[in-house]
C-alpha atoms as a PDB file:
ATOM      1  CA  MET A   1       2.983  -4.925  22.847  1.00  0.00           C
ATOM      2  CA  SER A   2       3.379  -5.630  19.170  1.00  0.00           C
ATOM      3  CA  ASN A   3       6.560  -6.765  17.477  1.00  0.00           C
ATOM      4  CA  THR A   4       5.339  -5.894  13.983  1.00  0.00           C
ATOM      5  CA  LYS A   5       7.703  -4.152  11.638  1.00  0.00           C
ATOM      6  CA  VAL A   6       6.685  -1.801   8.850  1.00  0.00           C
ATOM      7  CA  LEU A   7       8.089  -3.047   5.567  1.00  0.00           C
ATOM      8  CA  PRO A   8       8.106  -0.229   3.024  1.00  0.00           C
ATOM      9  CA  LEU A   9       7.098  -0.765  -0.583  1.00  0.00           C
ATOM     10  CA  ILE A  10       9.474   2.030  -1.512  1.00  0.00           C
ATOM     11  CA  GLU A  11      13.056   2.076  -0.310  1.00  0.00           C
ATOM     12  CA  ALA A  12      14.366   5.517   0.646  1.00  0.00           C
ATOM     13  CA  ASP A  13      17.841   6.938   0.143  1.00  0.00           C
ATOM     14  CA  SER A  14      19.768   8.590   2.999  1.00  0.00           C
ATOM     15  CA  SER A  15      17.850  11.874   2.547  1.00  0.00           C
ATOM     16  CA  GLY A  16      14.498  10.088   2.890  1.00  0.00           C
ATOM     17  CA  ASN A  17      13.580  10.385  -0.791  1.00  0.00           C
ATOM     18  CA  ALA A  18      11.904   7.381  -2.398  1.00  0.00           C
ATOM     19  CA  VAL A  19      14.256   5.866  -4.934  1.00  0.00           C
ATOM     20  CA  ALA A  20      13.053   2.406  -5.925  1.00  0.00           C
ATOM     21  CA  PRO A  21      10.258  -0.044  -5.278  1.00  0.00           C
ATOM     22  CA  CYS A  22      11.045  -2.819  -2.833  1.00  0.00           C
ATOM     23  CA  CYS A  23      10.306  -5.528  -5.321  1.00  0.00           C
ATOM     24  CA  PRO A  24      10.854  -6.086  -9.040  1.00  0.00           C
ATOM     25  CA  PRO A  25       7.957  -6.889 -11.351  1.00  0.00           C
ATOM     26  CA  LEU A  26       6.761 -10.452 -10.833  1.00  0.00           C
ATOM     27  CA  THR A  27       7.878 -11.355 -14.347  1.00  0.00           C
ATOM     28  CA  GLU A  28      11.413  -9.977 -14.006  1.00  0.00           C
ATOM     29  CA  ARG A  29      12.966 -12.561 -11.670  1.00  0.00           C
ATOM     30  CA  PRO A  30      12.071 -14.616  -8.612  1.00  0.00           C
ATOM     31  CA  PHE A  31      11.706 -12.624  -5.399  1.00  0.00           C
ATOM     32  CA  THR A  32      14.286 -12.793  -2.654  1.00  0.00           C
ATOM     33  CA  ALA A  33      12.985 -13.851   0.762  1.00  0.00           C
ATOM     34  CA  ASP A  34      12.816 -10.210   1.930  1.00  0.00           C
ATOM     35  CA  GLU A  35      11.031  -9.070  -1.230  1.00  0.00           C
ATOM     36  CA  ALA A  36       8.516 -11.895  -0.907  1.00  0.00           C
ATOM     37  CA  GLU A  37       7.869 -10.997   2.740  1.00  0.00           C
ATOM     38  CA  THR A  38       7.245  -7.352   1.842  1.00  0.00           C
ATOM     39  CA  ALA A  39       4.955  -8.162  -1.089  1.00  0.00           C
ATOM     40  CA  ALA A  40       3.072 -10.787   0.942  1.00  0.00           C
ATOM     41  CA  ARG A  41       2.476  -8.288   3.747  1.00  0.00           C
ATOM     42  CA  MET A  42       1.026  -5.826   1.209  1.00  0.00           C
ATOM     43  CA  PHE A  43      -1.211  -8.453  -0.412  1.00  0.00           C
ATOM     44  CA  LYS A  44      -2.297  -9.791   2.983  1.00  0.00           C
ATOM     45  CA  ALA A  45      -3.276  -6.292   4.096  1.00  0.00           C
ATOM     46  CA  LEU A  46      -5.252  -5.737   0.909  1.00  0.00           C
ATOM     47  CA  GLY A  47      -6.788  -9.222   1.037  1.00  0.00           C
ATOM     48  CA  ASP A  48      -9.401  -8.104   3.542  1.00  0.00           C
ATOM     49  CA  PRO A  49     -12.471  -6.471   1.899  1.00  0.00           C
ATOM     50  CA  VAL A  50     -12.770  -3.774   4.581  1.00  0.00           C
ATOM     51  CA  ARG A  51      -9.091  -2.860   4.260  1.00  0.00           C
ATOM     52  CA  LEU A  52      -9.354  -2.783   0.492  1.00  0.00           C
ATOM     53  CA  ARG A  53     -12.352  -0.444   0.752  1.00  0.00           C
ATOM     54  CA  LEU A  54     -10.489   1.816   3.193  1.00  0.00           C
ATOM     55  CA  PHE A  55      -7.376   1.849   1.010  1.00  0.00           C
ATOM     56  CA  SER A  56      -9.499   2.681  -2.030  1.00  0.00           C
ATOM     57  CA  ALA A  57     -11.341   5.419  -0.118  1.00  0.00           C
ATOM     58  CA  VAL A  58      -8.068   7.064   0.861  1.00  0.00           C
ATOM     59  CA  ALA A  59      -6.446   6.640  -2.567  1.00  0.00           C
ATOM     60  CA  SER A  60      -9.441   8.075  -4.412  1.00  0.00           C
ATOM     61  CA  HIS A  61     -10.236  10.872  -1.962  1.00  0.00           C
ATOM     62  CA  GLU A  62      -9.985  14.421  -3.268  1.00  0.00           C
ATOM     63  CA  GLY A  63      -6.591  15.914  -2.530  1.00  0.00           C
ATOM     64  CA  GLY A  64      -4.971  12.511  -2.045  1.00  0.00           C
ATOM     65  CA  GLU A  65      -5.675  12.306   1.663  1.00  0.00           C
ATOM     66  CA  ALA A  66      -8.700  11.568   3.798  1.00  0.00           C
ATOM     67  CA  CYS A  67      -9.724  12.294   7.355  1.00  0.00           C
ATOM     68  CA  VAL A  68     -10.688   9.166   9.247  1.00  0.00           C
ATOM     69  CA  CYS A  69     -14.048  10.883   9.811  1.00  0.00           C
ATOM     70  CA  ASP A  70     -14.669  10.819   6.028  1.00  0.00           C
ATOM     71  CA  ILE A  71     -13.841   7.174   5.355  1.00  0.00           C
ATOM     72  CA  SER A  72     -15.136   5.261   8.379  1.00  0.00           C
ATOM     73  CA  ASP A  73     -18.510   4.314   6.858  1.00  0.00           C
ATOM     74  CA  VAL A  74     -17.516   0.826   5.686  1.00  0.00           C
ATOM     75  CA  GLY A  75     -20.006  -1.221   7.687  1.00  0.00           C
ATOM     76  CA  VAL A  76     -17.870  -1.910  10.757  1.00  0.00           C
ATOM     77  CA  SER A  77     -17.415  -0.150  14.099  1.00  0.00           C
ATOM     78  CA  GLN A  78     -14.975   2.734  14.521  1.00  0.00           C
ATOM     79  CA  PRO A  79     -12.524   0.650  16.604  1.00  0.00           C
ATOM     80  CA  THR A  80     -12.507  -1.943  13.805  1.00  0.00           C
ATOM     81  CA  VAL A  81     -11.840   0.800  11.236  1.00  0.00           C
ATOM     82  CA  SER A  82      -8.899   1.963  13.364  1.00  0.00           C
ATOM     83  CA  HIS A  83      -7.572  -1.604  13.535  1.00  0.00           C
ATOM     84  CA  HIS A  84      -7.744  -1.991   9.746  1.00  0.00           C
ATOM     85  CA  LEU A  85      -6.103   1.396   9.140  1.00  0.00           C
ATOM     86  CA  LYS A  86      -3.309   0.366  11.521  1.00  0.00           C
ATOM     87  CA  LYS A  87      -2.757  -2.841   9.524  1.00  0.00           C
ATOM     88  CA  LEU A  88      -2.578  -0.834   6.274  1.00  0.00           C
ATOM     89  CA  LYS A  89       0.008   1.460   7.871  1.00  0.00           C
ATOM     90  CA  GLU A  90       2.045  -1.492   9.153  1.00  0.00           C
ATOM     91  CA  ALA A  91       2.096  -2.903   5.624  1.00  0.00           C
ATOM     92  CA  GLY A  92       3.549   0.388   4.380  1.00  0.00           C
ATOM     93  CA  LEU A  93       0.470   1.184   2.285  1.00  0.00           C
ATOM     94  CA  LEU A  94      -0.728   4.265   4.197  1.00  0.00           C
ATOM     95  CA  THR A  95       0.848   7.123   6.103  1.00  0.00           C
ATOM     96  CA  SER A  96      -0.968   9.275   8.622  1.00  0.00           C
ATOM     97  CA  GLU A  97      -0.793  12.634  10.324  1.00  0.00           C
ATOM     98  CA  ARG A  98      -2.710  13.804  13.378  1.00  0.00           C
ATOM     99  CA  ARG A  99      -4.254  17.279  13.082  1.00  0.00           C
ATOM    100  CA  GLY A 100      -6.019  18.256  16.251  1.00  0.00           C
ATOM    101  CA  THR A 101      -8.444  15.487  17.134  1.00  0.00           C
ATOM    102  CA  TRP A 102      -8.528  13.934  13.641  1.00  0.00           C
ATOM    103  CA  VAL A 103      -6.090  11.673  11.838  1.00  0.00           C
ATOM    104  CA  TYR A 104      -5.569  12.125   8.106  1.00  0.00           C
ATOM    105  CA  TYR A 105      -4.432   9.212   5.953  1.00  0.00           C
ATOM    106  CA  ARG A 106      -2.769   9.257   2.562  1.00  0.00           C
ATOM    107  CA  VAL A 107      -1.341   6.887   0.019  1.00  0.00           C
ATOM    108  CA  GLU A 108       1.944   8.225  -1.240  1.00  0.00           C
ATOM    109  CA  PRO A 109       2.024   8.319  -5.061  1.00  0.00           C
ATOM    110  CA  ALA A 110       5.248   6.325  -4.952  1.00  0.00           C
ATOM    111  CA  VAL A 111       3.417   3.461  -3.188  1.00  0.00           C
ATOM    112  CA  LEU A 112       0.821   3.291  -5.958  1.00  0.00           C
ATOM    113  CA  ALA A 113       3.604   3.403  -8.540  1.00  0.00           C
ATOM    114  CA  ALA A 114       5.461   0.596  -6.754  1.00  0.00           C
ATOM    115  CA  MET A 115       2.312  -1.533  -6.612  1.00  0.00           C
ATOM    116  CA  GLY A 116       1.709  -0.927 -10.303  1.00  0.00           C
ATOM    117  CA  LYS A 117       5.296  -1.818 -11.187  1.00  0.00           C
ATOM    118  CA  LEU A 118       5.156  -4.977  -9.086  1.00  0.00           C
ATOM    119  CA  LEU A 119       2.112  -6.206 -11.004  1.00  0.00           C
ATOM    120  CA  THR A 120       3.207  -5.035 -14.431  1.00  0.00           C
ATOM    121  CA  ALA A 121       3.980  -7.865 -16.808  1.00  0.00           C
ATOM    122  CA  THR A 122       6.664  -7.169 -19.330  1.00  0.00           C
ATOM    123  CA  PRO A 123       6.182  -8.856 -22.686  1.00  0.00           C
ATOM    124  CA  THR A 124       8.610 -11.693 -23.268  1.00  0.00           C
ATOM    125  CA  GLY A 125       7.731 -12.510 -26.845  1.00  0.00           C
ATOM    126  CA  PRO A 126       6.895 -10.643 -30.011  1.00  0.00           C
ATOM    127  CA  THR A 127       4.176  -8.045 -29.716  1.00  0.00           C
ATOM    128  CA  GLY A 128       1.164  -7.839 -31.922  1.00  0.00           C
ATOM    129  CA  PRO A 129      -1.762 -10.091 -32.701  1.00  0.00           C
ATOM    130  CA  THR A 130      -1.304 -13.829 -33.034  1.00  0.00           C
ATOM    131  CA  ARG A 131      -2.785 -15.554 -36.075  1.00  0.00           C
END
């Protein structure tokens, strides 16, 4: 039995709609302990080359979702693929839906936006070329 907890990158309002990323841009202010835990879980999940390939395969798949049968050719066994997909889901990076015997995975656009915002550096000084 696992005691893992899914930590979403996007916080939802009471109606379930995504309203804001979990974490501010790295350059905005220091993370709180909870924000750091959420961001670390995301980076840890993506720190494995197989998981990064799977995440990329899902994110770039036509229609924004991919059947596990279409993305499992990453050089590891099917049970290992399932393990890595589970870790990506636990990190809040993927969602899934079972349709018959197949499971379809997707990266919600809001997750990609949150990841982009987290890594976006805001300029702190004057813009333009330095001489």
